[in-house]
Amino acid sequence: MQVKQLHTAIYLFMATLLAAACSKMNDPHDPYLKRGETIYVGRVDSARVLAGNGRVLLRYWTSDPKAKRMVVYWNSRTDSTVLDIPTKLRSDSVDVIIAELGEFNYLFEMVTMTKELANRSIVFQKGGAAYGGRFQASLTERVIKSKAYVPASGQLTLVWLGAVEKAVACDITYTDKAGATLTKRVPITENNTVIKDVGGNVRYTTLFLPEANAIDTFSTPAKAVPLN
């Protein structure tokens, strides 16, 4: 009986030590266990940044219905804006204009969260550029190689030199024989342009996009086209 009691005492002693050790091991985790599981909001699925004149258009997609608001950072997080995420289909995009930007290449950081600004997602990053005075100063109009004007019919024929880099079109403004002011847009791929019923005051500007999907068009100052 004494041996059996000794074995029982040893077993109880070892069980007490093991329970104490497990309790100490759990101590650092107790605050997290009491707090419960953290539920994070899903981050932005994808995004695009479309260039503009002193601004950009941020187009983004989200699919987590818990994502109700989003903060966008730029300039190494010295600038930011908080946006509401509208109720939408998960496949629909949302467009946001970020304005008053200097001419620069930006890295935008997007963090989604709940309506209460809690449960922030991991960061989604997307780069894009805003353009301005430097790009405008680099523009030169498309050159007219030759022209022919028939006063009786008012037919004006313009022959263009080659296309200009980043140019997309030319706008030709003129007064017709009835005195009305009209504008004809000519694609940059057009080499010969014919305009009928021209009475005078012909001017043109060359239009540019800094990037193919830019939201703003730049133009050169209007240039007169003499008819004589």
Protein backbone atom coordinates (compact mmCIF):
# COMPACT_ATOMS: atom_id res chain seq x y z
CA MET A 1 0.00 0.00 0.00
CA GLN A 2 2.83 2.35 0.76
CA VAL A 3 4.34 1.78 -2.70
CA LYS A 4 1.00 2.42 -4.35
CA GLN A 5 0.50 5.61 -2.36
CA LEU A 6 4.03 6.74 -3.29
CA HIS A 7 3.32 6.22 -7.00
CA THR A 8 0.08 8.16 -6.68
CA ALA A 9 1.81 11.05 -4.92
CA ILE A 10 4.53 11.17 -7.60
CA TYR A 11 1.89 11.17 -10.37
CA LEU A 12 -0.04 14.03 -8.74
CA PHE A 13 3.18 16.02 -8.26
CA MET A 14 4.19 15.61 -11.93
CA ALA A 15 0.70 16.53 -13.12
CA THR A 16 0.80 19.71 -11.01
CA LEU A 17 4.19 20.71 -12.48
CA LEU A 18 2.95 20.07 -16.04
CA ALA A 19 -0.20 22.12 -15.50
CA ALA A 20 1.84 25.02 -14.08
CA ALA A 21 4.25 24.90 -17.03
CA CYS A 22 1.41 24.95 -19.56
CA SER A 23 -0.20 27.85 -17.75
CA LYS A 24 3.04 29.86 -17.94
CA MET A 25 3.41 29.02 -21.64
CA ASN A 26 -0.08 30.37 -22.33
CA ASP A 27 0.47 33.59 -20.35
CA PRO A 28 1.87 35.64 -23.33
CA HIS A 29 -1.05 34.58 -25.51
CA ASP A 30 -3.81 35.20 -23.00
CA PRO A 31 -4.51 38.83 -24.10
CA TYR A 32 -4.91 37.70 -27.71
CA LEU A 33 -7.07 34.73 -26.78
CA LYS A 34 -9.32 36.96 -24.69
CA ARG A 35 -9.47 39.54 -27.50
CA GLY A 36 -10.69 36.94 -29.99
CA GLU A 37 -9.79 36.40 -33.63
CA THR A 38 -9.00 39.55 -35.66
CA ILE A 39 -10.98 39.78 -38.90
CA TYR A 40 -9.20 41.80 -41.58
CA VAL A 41 -10.96 43.54 -44.45
CA GLY A 42 -9.96 42.29 -47.88
CA ARG A 43 -7.61 44.60 -49.71
CA VAL A 44 -8.18 46.26 -53.09
CA ASP A 45 -8.37 43.60 -55.82
CA SER A 46 -6.79 45.72 -58.55
CA ALA A 47 -6.38 49.35 -59.58
CA ARG A 48 -5.32 51.64 -62.42
CA VAL A 49 -3.99 55.20 -62.33
CA LEU A 50 -4.92 57.32 -65.37
CA ALA A 51 -2.75 60.39 -65.94
CA GLY A 52 -4.15 63.92 -66.08
CA ASN A 53 -3.19 67.59 -65.99
CA GLY A 54 -2.30 68.22 -62.35
CA ARG A 55 -4.48 65.29 -61.34
CA VAL A 56 -5.02 61.57 -61.78
CA LEU A 57 -8.03 59.31 -61.99
CA LEU A 58 -7.76 56.36 -59.61
CA ARG A 59 -9.88 53.43 -60.80
CA TYR A 60 -10.12 50.52 -58.37
CA TRP A 61 -11.97 47.25 -57.81
CA THR A 62 -12.96 45.68 -54.46
CA SER A 63 -14.90 42.49 -53.76
CA ASP A 64 -15.02 42.25 -49.95
CA PRO A 65 -18.45 43.51 -48.77
CA LYS A 66 -16.87 44.50 -45.44
CA ALA A 67 -14.76 47.14 -47.22
CA LYS A 68 -16.76 50.33 -46.74
CA ARG A 69 -14.04 52.99 -46.65
CA MET A 70 -10.56 53.42 -48.06
CA VAL A 71 -7.61 55.67 -47.31
CA VAL A 72 -5.27 56.58 -50.17
CA TYR A 73 -1.74 57.76 -49.37
CA TRP A 74 0.85 59.39 -51.65
CA ASN A 75 4.03 61.47 -51.31
CA SER A 76 5.48 58.92 -48.86
CA ARG A 77 2.25 59.16 -46.82
CA THR A 78 2.54 62.91 -46.27
CA ASP A 79 -0.70 63.33 -48.26
CA SER A 80 -3.83 61.23 -48.01
CA THR A 81 -7.58 61.15 -48.51
CA VAL A 82 -10.32 58.99 -47.02
CA LEU A 83 -12.99 57.73 -49.43
CA ASP A 84 -16.32 55.98 -49.05
CA ILE A 85 -16.62 52.75 -51.04
CA PRO A 86 -20.10 52.70 -52.59
CA THR A 87 -22.35 49.66 -52.62
CA LYS A 88 -21.74 47.98 -55.97
CA LEU A 89 -21.31 44.72 -57.79
CA ARG A 90 -17.95 43.12 -57.09
CA SER A 91 -17.07 43.37 -60.81
CA ASP A 92 -17.79 47.13 -60.95
CA SER A 93 -14.97 49.65 -60.71
CA VAL A 94 -14.99 52.94 -58.81
CA ASP A 95 -13.42 56.12 -60.21
CA VAL A 96 -11.93 58.78 -57.95
CA ILE A 97 -10.17 62.00 -58.99
CA ILE A 98 -7.12 63.01 -56.95
CA ALA A 99 -6.43 66.65 -57.81
CA GLU A 100 -3.94 69.43 -57.06
CA LEU A 101 -0.94 67.24 -57.85
CA GLY A 102 2.46 68.46 -58.96
CA GLU A 103 4.03 67.07 -62.13
CA PHE A 104 5.52 63.88 -60.76
CA ASN A 105 5.47 60.07 -60.74
CA TYR A 106 3.49 58.95 -57.70
CA LEU A 107 3.12 55.74 -55.73
CA PHE A 108 -0.41 55.47 -54.36
CA GLU A 109 -1.04 53.21 -51.36
CA MET A 110 -4.60 52.00 -50.78
CA VAL A 111 -5.90 50.54 -47.51
CA THR A 112 -9.51 49.40 -47.13
CA MET A 113 -11.38 49.17 -43.82
CA THR A 114 -14.81 49.03 -42.23
CA LYS A 115 -17.18 51.98 -41.98
CA GLU A 116 -15.77 52.63 -38.50
CA LEU A 117 -12.21 52.80 -39.92
CA ALA A 118 -11.32 49.50 -38.25
CA ASN A 119 -9.87 46.15 -39.40
CA ARG A 120 -7.54 47.74 -41.94
CA SER A 121 -6.45 45.64 -44.90
CA ILE A 122 -2.92 45.07 -46.09
CA VAL A 123 -1.64 47.75 -48.48
CA PHE A 124 -2.26 47.70 -52.23
CA GLN A 125 0.18 49.88 -54.23
CA LYS A 126 -0.12 51.37 -57.71
CA GLY A 127 2.04 53.92 -59.52
CA GLY A 128 0.99 56.68 -61.89
CA ALA A 129 1.93 60.15 -63.14
CA ALA A 130 0.44 63.62 -63.17
CA TYR A 131 1.55 66.04 -65.91
CA GLY A 132 1.69 69.82 -66.11
CA GLY A 133 3.83 72.72 -67.22
CA ARG A 134 6.93 70.76 -68.18
CA PHE A 135 4.97 68.51 -70.51
CA GLN A 136 3.07 71.50 -71.95
CA ALA A 137 6.34 73.33 -72.67
CA SER A 138 7.66 70.33 -74.63
CA LEU A 139 4.83 70.38 -77.20
CA THR A 140 5.23 71.57 -80.79
CA GLU A 141 2.45 71.84 -83.36
CA ARG A 142 2.19 69.59 -86.37
CA VAL A 143 3.67 71.28 -89.44
CA ILE A 144 1.71 72.01 -92.61
CA LYS A 145 3.88 71.05 -95.58
CA SER A 146 1.76 72.82 -98.19
CA LYS A 147 -1.72 74.27 -98.73
CA ALA A 148 -4.02 75.17 -101.59
CA TYR A 149 -7.08 77.41 -101.39
CA VAL A 150 -9.75 78.04 -104.05
CA PRO A 151 -11.59 81.28 -103.11
CA ALA A 152 -14.57 80.68 -105.41
CA SER A 153 -15.57 77.36 -103.84
CA GLY A 154 -13.88 77.91 -100.49
CA GLN A 155 -12.06 74.58 -100.72
CA LEU A 156 -8.92 74.42 -98.58
CA THR A 157 -6.47 71.55 -98.95
CA LEU A 158 -3.76 70.99 -96.34
CA VAL A 159 -0.87 68.57 -96.74
CA TRP A 160 0.78 67.65 -93.44
CA LEU A 161 4.28 66.62 -92.53
CA GLY A 162 4.72 63.50 -90.43
CA ALA A 163 2.97 62.90 -87.13
CA VAL A 164 4.32 64.44 -83.90
CA GLU A 165 5.14 62.23 -80.91
CA LYS A 166 2.20 61.85 -78.51
CA ALA A 167 -0.03 63.98 -80.77
CA VAL A 168 -3.50 62.53 -81.38
CA ALA A 169 -5.28 65.09 -83.57
CA CYS A 170 -5.45 68.65 -84.86
CA ASP A 171 -8.43 70.95 -84.39
CA ILE A 172 -8.93 73.33 -87.35
CA THR A 173 -11.17 76.32 -86.64
CA TYR A 174 -12.40 78.50 -89.51
CA THR A 175 -15.14 80.86 -90.63
CA ASP A 176 -17.37 79.56 -93.41
CA LYS A 177 -18.79 81.68 -96.22
CA ALA A 178 -21.95 82.33 -94.22
CA GLY A 179 -19.92 83.80 -91.35
CA ALA A 180 -20.31 80.86 -88.92
CA THR A 181 -17.33 79.61 -86.90
CA LEU A 182 -16.75 75.87 -87.29
CA THR A 183 -14.18 73.37 -86.03
CA LYS A 184 -13.00 70.23 -87.80
CA ARG A 185 -11.03 67.59 -85.89
CA VAL A 186 -8.39 65.84 -87.99
CA PRO A 187 -6.82 62.57 -86.77
CA ILE A 188 -3.05 62.66 -86.52
CA THR A 189 -2.87 59.77 -89.00
CA GLU A 190 -4.44 61.90 -91.75
CA ASN A 191 -1.89 63.23 -94.25
CA ASN A 192 -4.18 65.31 -96.49
CA THR A 193 -7.12 67.35 -95.20
CA VAL A 194 -9.80 68.92 -97.42
CA ILE A 195 -12.24 71.49 -95.98
CA LYS A 196 -14.99 73.02 -98.10
CA ASP A 197 -16.82 76.35 -97.87
CA VAL A 198 -13.97 78.10 -96.05
CA GLY A 199 -14.38 81.86 -95.88
CA GLY A 200 -11.35 82.84 -93.76
CA ASN A 201 -9.82 83.04 -90.26
CA VAL A 202 -8.27 79.58 -90.35
CA ARG A 203 -6.34 78.51 -87.26
CA TYR A 204 -5.34 75.14 -85.84
CA THR A 205 -4.06 73.56 -82.65
CA THR A 206 -2.37 70.21 -82.16
CA LEU A 207 -3.78 67.96 -79.42
CA PHE A 208 -1.67 65.66 -77.25
CA LEU A 209 -2.16 62.89 -74.71
CA PRO A 210 0.80 62.34 -72.37
CA GLU A 211 -0.25 58.68 -72.06
CA ALA A 212 -2.60 56.59 -74.18
CA ASN A 213 -5.27 56.38 -71.46
CA ALA A 214 -4.83 59.91 -70.06
CA ILE A 215 -7.97 61.75 -68.92
CA ASP A 216 -6.80 65.23 -70.01
CA THR A 217 -5.76 66.52 -73.42
CA PHE A 218 -3.00 69.11 -73.85
CA SER A 219 -2.82 71.45 -76.86
CA THR A 220 -0.46 73.87 -78.54
CA PRO A 221 -1.36 77.57 -78.92
CA ALA A 222 -3.55 78.29 -81.96
CA LYS A 223 -1.55 78.86 -85.17
CA ALA A 224 -2.94 80.92 -88.05
CA VAL A 225 -3.11 79.50 -91.57
CA PRO A 226 -2.93 82.34 -94.17
CA LEU A 227 -5.08 81.70 -97.24
CA ASN A 228 -3.20 83.93 -99.69
